[in-house]
Amino acid sequence: MKVLRSELGADRPKLGETLTFQGATYRITRVTDHPQFPMIVLVVEPED
């Protein structure tokens, strides 16, 4: 998943956190956050 850095504000996603998208729950397994890139990339896996 890609998220605009400006949409998150000061709250940055962390490894192991869960998020819900379209009724399904996912766990964050990797976060890529490069200051010069406007997007934060989240790698997620379905929550069991």
N, C-alpha and C. Protein backbone atom coordinates (compact mmCIF):
# COMPACT_ATOMS: atom_id res chain seq x y z
N MET A 1 0.84 -1.15 0.00
CA MET A 1 0.00 0.00 0.00
C MET A 1 0.90 1.23 0.00
N LYS A 2 0.47 2.26 -0.72
CA LYS A 2 1.21 3.52 -0.72
C LYS A 2 0.29 4.59 -0.14
N VAL A 3 0.86 5.40 0.75
CA VAL A 3 0.11 6.45 1.41
C VAL A 3 0.89 7.75 1.31
N LEU A 4 0.21 8.83 0.96
CA LEU A 4 0.88 10.13 0.94
C LEU A 4 1.34 10.50 2.33
N ARG A 5 2.59 10.90 2.45
CA ARG A 5 3.16 11.32 3.73
C ARG A 5 2.31 12.43 4.36
N SER A 6 1.82 13.35 3.54
CA SER A 6 1.03 14.48 4.05
C SER A 6 -0.30 14.03 4.66
N GLU A 7 -0.82 12.88 4.25
CA GLU A 7 -2.07 12.36 4.80
C GLU A 7 -1.90 11.80 6.21
N LEU A 8 -0.69 11.40 6.55
CA LEU A 8 -0.45 10.79 7.86
C LEU A 8 -0.10 11.80 8.94
N GLY A 9 0.39 12.97 8.56
CA GLY A 9 0.80 13.95 9.56
C GLY A 9 1.97 13.42 10.37
N ALA A 10 1.95 13.62 11.67
CA ALA A 10 3.04 13.19 12.54
C ALA A 10 2.94 11.70 12.89
N ASP A 11 1.80 11.08 12.67
CA ASP A 11 1.60 9.66 12.98
C ASP A 11 2.15 8.79 11.87
N ARG A 12 3.26 8.14 12.14
CA ARG A 12 3.86 7.23 11.17
C ARG A 12 3.49 5.79 11.54
N PRO A 13 3.12 4.97 10.55
CA PRO A 13 2.81 3.57 10.84
C PRO A 13 4.04 2.83 11.36
N LYS A 14 3.81 1.84 12.20
CA LYS A 14 4.90 1.06 12.79
C LYS A 14 4.71 -0.42 12.48
N LEU A 15 5.83 -1.12 12.46
CA LEU A 15 5.77 -2.57 12.23
C LEU A 15 4.88 -3.24 13.27
N GLY A 16 4.10 -4.19 12.82
CA GLY A 16 3.25 -4.95 13.73
C GLY A 16 1.88 -4.33 13.96
N GLU A 17 1.70 -3.07 13.61
CA GLU A 17 0.38 -2.45 13.77
C GLU A 17 -0.59 -3.06 12.77
N THR A 18 -1.87 -2.98 13.09
CA THR A 18 -2.88 -3.49 12.18
C THR A 18 -3.65 -2.31 11.58
N LEU A 19 -4.20 -2.56 10.40
CA LEU A 19 -5.07 -1.57 9.77
C LEU A 19 -6.19 -2.32 9.08
N THR A 20 -7.30 -1.64 8.90
CA THR A 20 -8.47 -2.25 8.27
C THR A 20 -8.74 -1.54 6.96
N PHE A 21 -8.95 -2.32 5.91
CA PHE A 21 -9.25 -1.79 4.59
C PHE A 21 -10.34 -2.64 3.97
N GLN A 22 -11.44 -2.02 3.60
CA GLN A 22 -12.59 -2.70 2.99
C GLN A 22 -13.03 -3.92 3.79
N GLY A 23 -13.08 -3.76 5.10
CA GLY A 23 -13.58 -4.81 5.98
C GLY A 23 -12.59 -5.91 6.34
N ALA A 24 -11.39 -5.88 5.77
CA ALA A 24 -10.37 -6.89 6.08
C ALA A 24 -9.28 -6.25 6.94
N THR A 25 -8.70 -7.04 7.85
CA THR A 25 -7.65 -6.54 8.73
C THR A 25 -6.30 -7.05 8.25
N TYR A 26 -5.32 -6.14 8.23
CA TYR A 26 -3.97 -6.44 7.77
C TYR A 26 -2.97 -6.03 8.82
N ARG A 27 -1.82 -6.73 8.87
CA ARG A 27 -0.73 -6.39 9.77
C ARG A 27 0.43 -5.85 8.94
N ILE A 28 1.02 -4.74 9.39
CA ILE A 28 2.15 -4.12 8.69
C ILE A 28 3.40 -4.94 8.95
N THR A 29 4.06 -5.39 7.86
CA THR A 29 5.27 -6.19 7.98
C THR A 29 6.52 -5.43 7.56
N ARG A 30 6.34 -4.31 6.85
CA ARG A 30 7.49 -3.49 6.46
C ARG A 30 7.01 -2.08 6.14
N VAL A 31 7.82 -1.09 6.51
CA VAL A 31 7.52 0.32 6.22
C VAL A 31 8.72 0.91 5.51
N THR A 32 8.50 1.52 4.34
CA THR A 32 9.55 2.21 3.62
C THR A 32 9.21 3.70 3.62
N ASP A 33 10.05 4.49 4.25
CA ASP A 33 9.79 5.92 4.41
C ASP A 33 11.06 6.71 4.07
N HIS A 34 11.18 7.11 2.81
CA HIS A 34 12.32 7.91 2.37
C HIS A 34 11.90 9.38 2.34
N PRO A 35 12.61 10.25 3.04
CA PRO A 35 12.23 11.66 3.13
C PRO A 35 12.04 12.36 1.78
N GLN A 36 12.79 11.99 0.76
CA GLN A 36 12.68 12.66 -0.52
C GLN A 36 11.54 12.11 -1.39
N PHE A 37 10.89 11.05 -0.98
CA PHE A 37 9.79 10.44 -1.72
C PHE A 37 8.47 10.81 -1.04
N PRO A 38 7.47 11.32 -1.76
CA PRO A 38 6.24 11.81 -1.11
C PRO A 38 5.32 10.71 -0.57
N MET A 39 5.65 9.46 -0.87
CA MET A 39 4.79 8.35 -0.43
C MET A 39 5.51 7.50 0.60
N ILE A 40 4.73 6.95 1.53
CA ILE A 40 5.22 5.94 2.46
C ILE A 40 4.66 4.62 1.97
N VAL A 41 5.52 3.63 1.83
CA VAL A 41 5.09 2.33 1.32
C VAL A 41 4.96 1.37 2.51
N LEU A 42 3.77 0.77 2.61
CA LEU A 42 3.50 -0.21 3.66
C LEU A 42 3.33 -1.58 3.01
N VAL A 43 4.07 -2.55 3.50
CA VAL A 43 3.88 -3.93 3.06
C VAL A 43 3.05 -4.59 4.16
N VAL A 44 1.93 -5.18 3.76
CA VAL A 44 1.00 -5.74 4.74
C VAL A 44 0.69 -7.19 4.40
N GLU A 45 0.26 -7.94 5.41
CA GLU A 45 -0.20 -9.32 5.24
C GLU A 45 -1.56 -9.43 5.90
N PRO A 46 -2.43 -10.28 5.36
CA PRO A 46 -3.73 -10.48 6.01
C PRO A 46 -3.56 -10.97 7.43
N GLU A 47 -4.37 -10.44 8.32
CA GLU A 47 -4.38 -10.88 9.71
C GLU A 47 -5.11 -12.20 9.80
N ASP A 48 -4.55 -13.16 10.50
CA ASP A 48 -5.20 -14.48 10.63
C ASP A 48 -6.35 -14.45 11.58
